[in-house]
Amino acid sequence: MIVGIDIGGSTTDAVFLDGETRVVSVEANDPVAAAAGAFGKLIGDLRLPPSAIATIAATGGGARRLGDELLGVPVVKVPELTAIGVGGITLAEQNEALVVSMGTGTAMVAVKGTDIRHVGGTGVGGGTLLGLSKHLLNVGQLATLEELADHGDLSRIDLTVGDVAGGPVGNLPADATASNFGKVSSDAKPEDKARALVNMIAEVIVVVSVLAARANRLDSIVLTGKLLRVRPFVERIKATRFLFERHFIIPPHAEYATAIGAARRVAAGKDPAPPGSTSMPVG
């Protein structure tokens, strides 16, 4: 039995794959403490002793801080970009796709069969969303930002194609964004700014993802990462995807795809198929 652990900048995920996917997340500044806490909580929830786990597949920026064992269990370190690619592609049940991992920043990995390559990314991600939210709105929790965004009005913040051209232009509808934050009105409310922040981050990631997919001749884009927890963010991606000739997919357990990918990588040859996964087209 293998546990996958993704030690990120703000959260650490632990997953156990055995017929169904079990996951836990913890927050800790120290990567070793975070990994031990996530692993301990996971096996505690499963009511298993550490000796029942054969291997811990560790990935993420903090994995390098781990030794060869964690709580007596051997640790195998998996490169994060490999884990991103394997996790996204197996959960989405695709042979090839651009896997987009939306964490603190955004990483993009092209997968074509067994060929897994990092093809770019952007510093715009969940860290950007939360940082700007703290600066503009004094809001430091994504749940609070989401609640504000639910009641926001983009017309008080964003300049649309219709505002500039008086109507649609080519395949761009009149309500497509021409300039994020290009029309901030004096009566803009915190709710409007929250909505506009979510909108901007979603649109930047979608556009950069589409450009990367086109450059690598990939038709499918698999979205993974913690930003998928923010409902207005996902809603904006659903609304924006119609502008591009690409197939966006959010697979089950997409928030934990990197940890799952690490476990799958180590387990390759034993059980290469993701348990109980069914891909879900965005929309």
Protein backbone atom coordinates (compact mmCIF):
# COMPACT_ATOMS: atom_id res chain seq x y z
CA MET A 1 0.00 0.00 0.00
CA ILE A 2 1.31 3.43 -1.01
CA VAL A 3 0.55 6.89 0.36
CA GLY A 4 1.20 9.94 -1.81
CA ILE A 5 2.15 13.21 -0.09
CA ASP A 6 2.35 16.61 -1.80
CA ILE A 7 4.19 19.12 0.42
CA GLY A 8 3.22 22.54 -0.89
CA GLY A 9 3.97 26.07 0.19
CA SER A 10 0.84 26.48 2.31
CA THR A 11 -0.83 23.08 2.56
CA THR A 12 0.27 19.45 2.52
CA ASP A 13 -1.95 16.74 1.06
CA ALA A 14 -1.79 13.02 1.78
CA VAL A 15 -3.72 10.48 -0.31
CA PHE A 16 -4.35 6.76 -0.03
CA LEU A 17 -5.53 4.82 -3.07
CA ASP A 18 -7.27 1.53 -2.38
CA GLY A 19 -10.51 1.07 -4.33
CA GLU A 20 -11.43 4.62 -3.40
CA THR A 21 -9.39 7.75 -2.84
CA ARG A 22 -8.92 8.94 0.76
CA VAL A 23 -7.38 12.37 1.28
CA VAL A 24 -6.41 14.70 4.11
CA SER A 25 -4.90 18.19 4.09
CA VAL A 26 -2.99 19.98 6.83
CA GLU A 27 -1.36 23.38 7.18
CA ALA A 28 2.10 23.77 8.70
CA ASN A 29 5.14 25.94 8.04
CA ASP A 30 7.67 23.15 8.54
CA PRO A 31 7.54 20.61 5.67
CA VAL A 32 8.65 17.65 7.80
CA ALA A 33 6.06 18.42 10.46
CA ALA A 34 3.42 18.92 7.76
CA ALA A 35 4.24 15.60 6.07
CA ALA A 36 4.25 13.74 9.38
CA GLY A 37 0.99 15.39 10.40
CA ALA A 38 -0.77 14.62 7.12
CA PHE A 39 0.50 11.03 7.06
CA GLY A 40 -0.40 10.46 10.70
CA LYS A 41 -3.87 11.89 10.25
CA LEU A 42 -4.49 9.82 7.13
CA ILE A 43 -3.49 6.47 8.62
CA GLY A 44 -5.34 7.41 11.81
CA ASP A 45 -8.51 7.99 9.81
CA LEU A 46 -7.93 4.66 8.05
CA ARG A 47 -7.17 2.94 11.36
CA LEU A 48 -3.94 1.53 9.98
CA PRO A 49 -0.53 1.28 11.67
CA PRO A 50 2.40 2.91 9.84
CA SER A 51 3.80 -0.57 9.19
CA ALA A 52 0.81 -1.28 6.91
CA ILE A 53 2.11 1.29 4.40
CA ALA A 54 4.89 0.00 2.14
CA THR A 55 6.03 3.34 0.72
CA ILE A 56 5.42 7.07 0.97
CA ALA A 57 5.63 8.79 -2.42
CA ALA A 58 6.61 12.38 -1.63
CA THR A 59 6.53 15.34 -3.98
CA GLY A 60 6.21 19.12 -3.88
CA GLY A 61 8.63 21.84 -2.91
CA GLY A 62 9.03 20.57 0.65
CA ALA A 63 9.79 16.95 -0.29
CA ARG A 64 13.50 17.67 -0.49
CA ARG A 65 13.51 18.27 3.27
CA LEU A 66 12.37 14.73 4.02
CA GLY A 67 14.83 11.95 4.81
CA ASP A 68 14.71 8.37 3.59
CA GLU A 69 11.99 7.47 6.09
CA LEU A 70 8.98 9.13 7.68
CA LEU A 71 7.62 7.56 10.87
CA GLY A 72 9.54 4.41 9.96
CA VAL A 73 8.09 4.15 6.43
CA PRO A 74 10.43 4.34 3.39
CA VAL A 75 10.13 7.58 1.39
CA VAL A 76 10.48 7.75 -2.41
CA LYS A 77 10.72 11.26 -3.84
CA VAL A 78 8.92 12.01 -7.11
CA PRO A 79 9.71 15.17 -9.15
CA GLU A 80 6.78 17.56 -8.79
CA LEU A 81 6.32 18.14 -12.52
CA THR A 82 6.18 14.38 -13.09
CA ALA A 83 3.60 14.01 -10.32
CA ILE A 84 1.51 16.83 -11.83
CA GLY A 85 1.52 15.18 -15.25
CA VAL A 86 0.81 11.66 -14.03
CA GLY A 87 -1.91 12.79 -11.63
CA GLY A 88 -3.75 14.93 -14.14
CA ILE A 89 -3.58 12.50 -17.04
CA THR A 90 -4.65 9.43 -15.09
CA LEU A 91 -7.49 11.11 -13.22
CA ALA A 92 -8.84 12.57 -16.47
CA GLU A 93 -8.41 9.23 -18.26
CA GLN A 94 -6.58 10.84 -21.16
CA ASN A 95 -3.58 9.60 -23.11
CA GLU A 96 -2.38 13.12 -23.81
CA ALA A 97 -3.28 16.56 -22.49
CA LEU A 98 -1.94 19.77 -21.04
CA VAL A 99 -2.13 19.41 -17.27
CA VAL A 100 -2.48 22.75 -15.47
CA SER A 101 -1.66 22.78 -11.76
CA MET A 102 -3.15 25.85 -10.10
CA GLY A 103 -1.54 26.30 -6.72
CA THR A 104 0.31 29.31 -5.33
CA GLY A 105 1.41 29.87 -8.92
CA THR A 106 0.42 27.94 -12.04
CA ALA A 107 2.51 25.20 -13.68
CA MET A 108 1.77 23.63 -17.07
CA VAL A 109 2.89 20.14 -18.05
CA ALA A 110 2.41 18.60 -21.50
CA VAL A 111 1.77 14.86 -21.43
CA LYS A 112 1.89 12.71 -24.56
CA GLY A 113 1.85 9.06 -23.55
CA THR A 114 4.97 8.49 -21.47
CA ASP A 115 6.51 11.83 -22.47
CA ILE A 116 6.02 14.35 -19.65
CA ARG A 117 7.46 17.84 -20.16
CA HIS A 118 7.22 21.15 -18.33
CA VAL A 119 6.13 23.66 -20.98
CA GLY A 120 5.70 26.82 -18.95
CA GLY A 121 3.45 28.49 -16.45
CA THR A 122 2.73 31.79 -14.80
CA GLY A 123 3.26 33.37 -11.42
CA VAL A 124 -0.45 34.19 -11.43
CA GLY A 125 -2.28 31.71 -9.23
CA GLY A 126 -3.84 31.21 -5.83
CA GLY A 127 -1.08 33.19 -4.13
CA THR A 128 -1.81 36.12 -6.43
CA LEU A 129 -5.52 35.94 -5.70
CA LEU A 130 -5.02 35.83 -1.94
CA GLY A 131 -2.27 38.47 -1.94
CA LEU A 132 -4.31 40.97 -3.93
CA SER A 133 -7.36 40.17 -1.82
CA LYS A 134 -5.42 41.07 1.33
CA HIS A 135 -4.07 44.26 -0.26
CA LEU A 136 -7.28 45.55 -1.85
CA LEU A 137 -9.96 44.17 0.45
CA ASN A 138 -8.21 43.25 3.70
CA VAL A 139 -9.57 39.73 3.19
CA GLY A 140 -7.18 36.86 3.92
CA GLN A 141 -9.45 33.84 3.57
CA LEU A 142 -10.58 32.38 0.24
CA ALA A 143 -13.95 31.41 1.72
CA THR A 144 -14.62 35.07 2.60
CA LEU A 145 -13.45 36.22 -0.82
CA GLU A 146 -15.75 33.69 -2.48
CA GLU A 147 -18.71 34.93 -0.47
CA LEU A 148 -18.00 38.53 -1.49
CA ALA A 149 -17.49 37.59 -5.15
CA ASP A 150 -20.89 35.89 -5.25
CA HIS A 151 -22.53 39.31 -4.90
CA GLY A 152 -20.17 41.32 -7.12
CA ASP A 153 -20.90 43.17 -10.36
CA LEU A 154 -18.13 43.08 -13.00
CA SER A 155 -19.64 45.97 -14.94
CA ARG A 156 -18.36 48.35 -12.25
CA ILE A 157 -14.77 47.12 -12.63
CA ASP A 158 -13.93 45.49 -15.98
CA LEU A 159 -13.95 47.11 -19.41
CA THR A 160 -15.73 44.86 -21.91
CA VAL A 161 -15.45 44.44 -25.66
CA GLY A 162 -18.91 46.02 -25.89
CA ASP A 163 -17.72 49.06 -23.94
CA VAL A 164 -14.88 49.57 -26.41
CA ALA A 165 -16.40 48.52 -29.73
CA GLY A 166 -20.10 48.89 -29.11
CA GLY A 167 -20.73 45.20 -29.71
CA PRO A 168 -19.05 41.85 -30.43
CA VAL A 169 -15.78 41.69 -32.35
CA GLY A 170 -15.09 38.55 -34.38
CA ASN A 171 -15.71 35.57 -32.13
CA LEU A 172 -15.56 37.73 -29.01
CA PRO A 173 -18.97 38.47 -27.49
CA ALA A 174 -19.78 41.95 -26.26
CA ASP A 175 -19.43 40.89 -22.62
CA ALA A 176 -15.90 39.48 -23.08
CA THR A 177 -13.25 41.28 -21.04
CA ALA A 178 -11.25 43.90 -22.90
CA SER A 179 -9.37 45.14 -19.83
CA ASN A 180 -9.37 43.72 -16.32
CA PHE A 181 -9.92 46.54 -13.82
CA GLY A 182 -10.05 48.93 -16.78
CA LYS A 183 -13.29 50.59 -15.68
CA VAL A 184 -13.15 50.89 -11.90
CA SER A 185 -16.04 53.16 -10.99
CA SER A 186 -16.24 55.35 -7.92
CA ASP A 187 -19.24 53.36 -6.66
CA ALA A 188 -17.44 50.00 -6.89
CA LYS A 189 -18.08 47.90 -3.81
CA PRO A 190 -15.80 45.34 -2.12
CA GLU A 191 -18.03 42.65 -3.62
CA ASP A 192 -17.37 44.00 -7.13
CA LYS A 193 -13.61 44.06 -6.56
CA ALA A 194 -13.69 40.50 -5.22
CA ARG A 195 -15.55 39.34 -8.29
CA ALA A 196 -13.12 41.16 -10.57
CA LEU A 197 -10.11 39.62 -8.83
CA VAL A 198 -11.45 36.10 -9.29
CA ASN A 199 -12.35 36.94 -12.89
CA MET A 200 -8.87 38.26 -13.68
CA ILE A 201 -7.02 35.25 -12.25
CA ALA A 202 -9.33 32.81 -14.04
CA GLU A 203 -9.00 34.57 -17.40
CA VAL A 204 -5.21 34.84 -17.21
CA ILE A 205 -4.87 31.13 -16.46
CA VAL A 206 -7.32 30.12 -19.19
CA VAL A 207 -5.61 32.23 -21.86
CA VAL A 208 -2.08 31.10 -20.92
CA SER A 209 -3.27 27.47 -20.81
CA VAL A 210 -4.85 27.69 -24.25
CA LEU A 211 -1.69 29.23 -25.73
CA ALA A 212 0.42 26.46 -24.20
CA ALA A 213 -1.97 23.77 -25.46
CA ARG A 214 -1.91 25.21 -28.98
CA ALA A 215 1.89 25.45 -28.97
CA ASN A 216 2.13 21.80 -28.00
CA ARG A 217 -0.70 20.63 -30.30
CA LEU A 218 -2.86 19.35 -27.47
CA ASP A 219 -6.65 19.46 -27.62
CA SER A 220 -7.43 18.71 -23.96
CA ILE A 221 -6.59 20.86 -20.94
CA VAL A 222 -6.83 19.17 -17.52
CA LEU A 223 -7.27 21.58 -14.61
CA THR A 224 -5.99 20.61 -11.16
CA GLY A 225 -5.11 22.32 -7.89
CA LYS A 226 -6.55 24.09 -4.90
CA LEU A 227 -7.98 27.04 -6.84
CA LEU A 228 -10.75 24.69 -7.97
CA ARG A 229 -12.18 25.03 -4.46
CA VAL A 230 -13.22 28.61 -5.30
CA ARG A 231 -16.64 28.25 -6.94
CA PRO A 232 -16.76 31.66 -8.73
CA PHE A 233 -13.35 30.82 -10.20
CA VAL A 234 -14.65 27.57 -11.69
CA GLU A 235 -17.80 29.32 -12.91
CA ARG A 236 -15.69 31.89 -14.77
CA ILE A 237 -13.64 29.16 -16.43
CA LYS A 238 -16.86 27.49 -17.58
CA ALA A 239 -18.08 30.77 -19.05
CA THR A 240 -14.75 31.58 -20.74
CA ARG A 241 -13.98 28.20 -22.28
CA PHE A 242 -16.46 28.71 -25.14
CA LEU A 243 -14.10 31.27 -26.67
CA PHE A 244 -11.42 28.66 -27.35
CA GLU A 245 -11.31 25.46 -29.38
CA ARG A 246 -10.05 23.34 -26.51
CA HIS A 247 -11.60 20.70 -24.24
CA PHE A 248 -11.32 21.69 -20.57
CA ILE A 249 -11.58 18.87 -18.02
CA ILE A 250 -11.83 18.93 -14.23
CA PRO A 251 -11.33 15.31 -13.11
CA PRO A 252 -12.47 13.89 -9.76
CA HIS A 253 -10.09 14.67 -6.90
CA ALA A 254 -8.46 17.37 -9.05
CA GLU A 255 -7.45 19.32 -5.93
CA TYR A 256 -5.19 16.44 -4.91
CA ALA A 257 -3.92 15.42 -8.36
CA THR A 258 -0.24 16.02 -7.58
CA ALA A 259 -0.23 13.78 -4.50
CA ILE A 260 -2.19 11.16 -6.44
CA GLY A 261 0.30 11.44 -9.30
CA ALA A 262 3.21 10.79 -6.94
CA ALA A 263 1.53 7.65 -5.61
CA ARG A 264 0.67 6.49 -9.12
CA ARG A 265 4.21 7.05 -10.32
CA VAL A 266 5.65 4.87 -7.58
CA ALA A 267 2.94 2.26 -8.07
CA ALA A 268 3.43 2.16 -11.87
CA GLY A 269 3.24 -1.38 -13.12
CA LYS A 270 1.19 -2.52 -10.13
CA ASP A 271 -2.06 -0.65 -10.63
CA PRO A 272 -1.65 2.01 -13.34
CA ALA A 273 -5.37 2.84 -13.66
CA PRO A 274 -6.85 5.45 -11.32
CA PRO A 275 -9.42 3.85 -8.98
CA GLY A 276 -13.00 4.85 -9.64
CA SER A 277 -12.11 7.92 -11.69
CA THR A 278 -14.42 9.29 -14.33
CA SER A 279 -13.45 12.42 -16.24
CA MET A 280 -15.84 15.36 -16.07
CA PRO A 281 -15.85 17.93 -18.87
CA VAL A 282 -16.08 21.47 -17.53
CA GLY A 283 -19.72 22.42 -17.77
